[in-house]
Amino acid sequence: MLEPLTNAQIRKFKATAQRMEPMLKVGKAGLSDGFIATVAHELARHELLKIKFAEFKEDKKTLAPLLAEKTGSQLIMRVGNVMVLHRPRPATTETTDATAE
């Protein structure tokens, strides 16, 4: 379970997302297993991810929280046909990096 974000953290992520371009698009395959795996992989690399609905625009209100749930991330915002997800990097990665130096 993810720790709830503070209002300040959410505002910071929204501001950062404003300047980002969408990295992925929900296409004709929808939330396929492959797309969910790609989103999870990108969240591991970037923490904050902007995704655009190219297809399934009428279902975005239900698909956005579902994608967040399936990837273990938090839905920061959904505006128009764009959503922003956040998942913090695991603490073990940071510890490993620090000890490698």
Protein backbone atom coordinates (compact mmCIF):
# COMPACT_ATOMS: atom_id res chain seq x y z
CA MET A 1 0.00 0.00 0.00
CA LEU A 2 1.31 3.42 -0.95
CA GLU A 3 1.66 6.13 1.66
CA PRO A 4 -0.84 8.96 1.08
CA LEU A 5 0.64 12.07 -0.47
CA THR A 6 0.41 15.46 1.21
CA ASN A 7 -1.33 18.34 -0.54
CA ALA A 8 2.05 20.01 -1.02
CA GLN A 9 3.44 16.89 -2.73
CA ILE A 10 0.41 16.65 -5.01
CA ARG A 11 0.73 20.34 -5.98
CA LYS A 12 4.43 19.82 -6.72
CA PHE A 13 3.72 16.79 -8.93
CA LYS A 14 0.94 18.63 -10.78
CA ALA A 15 3.25 21.58 -11.45
CA THR A 16 5.99 19.27 -12.71
CA ALA A 17 3.52 17.38 -14.92
CA GLN A 18 2.38 20.62 -16.57
CA ARG A 19 5.79 20.90 -18.25
CA MET A 20 5.96 17.23 -19.26
CA GLU A 21 4.98 15.68 -22.57
CA PRO A 22 2.95 12.44 -22.44
CA MET A 23 5.36 9.49 -22.46
CA LEU A 24 2.77 6.83 -23.33
CA LYS A 25 -0.60 6.65 -25.06
CA VAL A 26 -3.53 4.38 -24.35
CA GLY A 27 -4.24 3.03 -27.80
CA LYS A 28 -6.54 0.51 -29.47
CA ALA A 29 -5.40 -2.35 -27.21
CA GLY A 30 -6.50 -0.41 -24.13
CA LEU A 31 -5.08 -1.54 -20.80
CA SER A 32 -3.55 -4.73 -22.13
CA ASP A 33 -1.10 -6.74 -20.02
CA GLY A 34 1.74 -5.44 -22.19
CA PHE A 35 0.69 -1.80 -21.72
CA ILE A 36 0.37 -2.23 -17.95
CA ALA A 37 3.84 -3.81 -17.84
CA THR A 38 5.25 -0.90 -19.87
CA VAL A 39 3.66 1.64 -17.52
CA ALA A 40 5.07 -0.20 -14.48
CA HIS A 41 8.52 -0.27 -16.09
CA GLU A 42 8.43 3.45 -16.90
CA LEU A 43 7.26 4.28 -13.37
CA ALA A 44 10.27 2.43 -12.02
CA ARG A 45 12.49 4.65 -14.17
CA HIS A 46 10.73 8.02 -13.84
CA GLU A 47 8.43 8.05 -10.76
CA LEU A 48 6.13 10.57 -12.47
CA LEU A 49 4.47 9.54 -15.72
CA LYS A 50 2.12 11.41 -18.03
CA ILE A 51 -0.17 9.26 -20.18
CA LYS A 52 -2.54 10.37 -22.92
CA PHE A 53 -5.76 8.64 -23.94
CA ALA A 54 -5.58 8.34 -27.72
CA GLU A 55 -8.41 5.79 -27.62
CA PHE A 56 -11.00 4.86 -24.96
CA LYS A 57 -11.53 8.56 -24.21
CA GLU A 58 -15.09 7.89 -23.07
CA ASP A 59 -13.81 5.37 -20.48
CA LYS A 60 -10.95 7.46 -19.06
CA LYS A 61 -12.74 8.16 -15.77
CA THR A 62 -12.77 4.46 -14.92
CA LEU A 63 -9.57 3.41 -16.71
CA ALA A 64 -7.29 5.99 -15.03
CA PRO A 65 -7.85 4.75 -11.44
CA LEU A 66 -7.78 1.14 -12.67
CA LEU A 67 -4.38 1.66 -14.29
CA ALA A 68 -3.08 3.28 -11.08
CA GLU A 69 -4.30 0.28 -9.08
CA LYS A 70 -2.81 -2.29 -11.46
CA THR A 71 0.60 -0.55 -11.48
CA GLY A 72 0.72 0.14 -7.74
CA SER A 73 0.83 3.88 -8.36
CA GLN A 74 -1.20 6.92 -7.36
CA LEU A 75 -3.34 8.93 -9.72
CA ILE A 76 -2.13 12.52 -9.31
CA MET A 77 -4.55 14.07 -11.78
CA ARG A 78 -6.69 13.48 -14.80
CA VAL A 79 -7.36 16.50 -16.98
CA GLY A 80 -8.96 16.21 -20.39
CA ASN A 81 -7.47 13.17 -22.12
CA VAL A 82 -4.33 13.12 -19.98
CA MET A 83 -3.55 11.43 -16.67
CA VAL A 84 -0.52 11.60 -14.40
CA LEU A 85 0.66 8.70 -12.24
CA HIS A 86 3.25 8.68 -9.46
CA ARG A 87 5.01 5.77 -7.81
CA PRO A 88 8.06 6.36 -5.59
CA ARG A 89 11.19 4.41 -6.36
CA PRO A 90 11.84 1.55 -3.96
CA ALA A 91 14.10 2.51 -1.04
CA THR A 92 16.29 -0.56 -1.66
CA THR A 93 17.46 0.88 -4.99
CA GLU A 94 18.61 4.09 -3.31
CA THR A 95 20.45 2.13 -0.60
CA THR A 96 22.17 -0.01 -3.23
CA ASP A 97 23.25 3.07 -5.17
CA ALA A 98 24.60 4.77 -2.04
CA THR A 99 26.67 1.75 -1.01
CA ALA A 100 28.08 1.33 -4.52
CA GLU A 101 29.90 4.67 -4.34
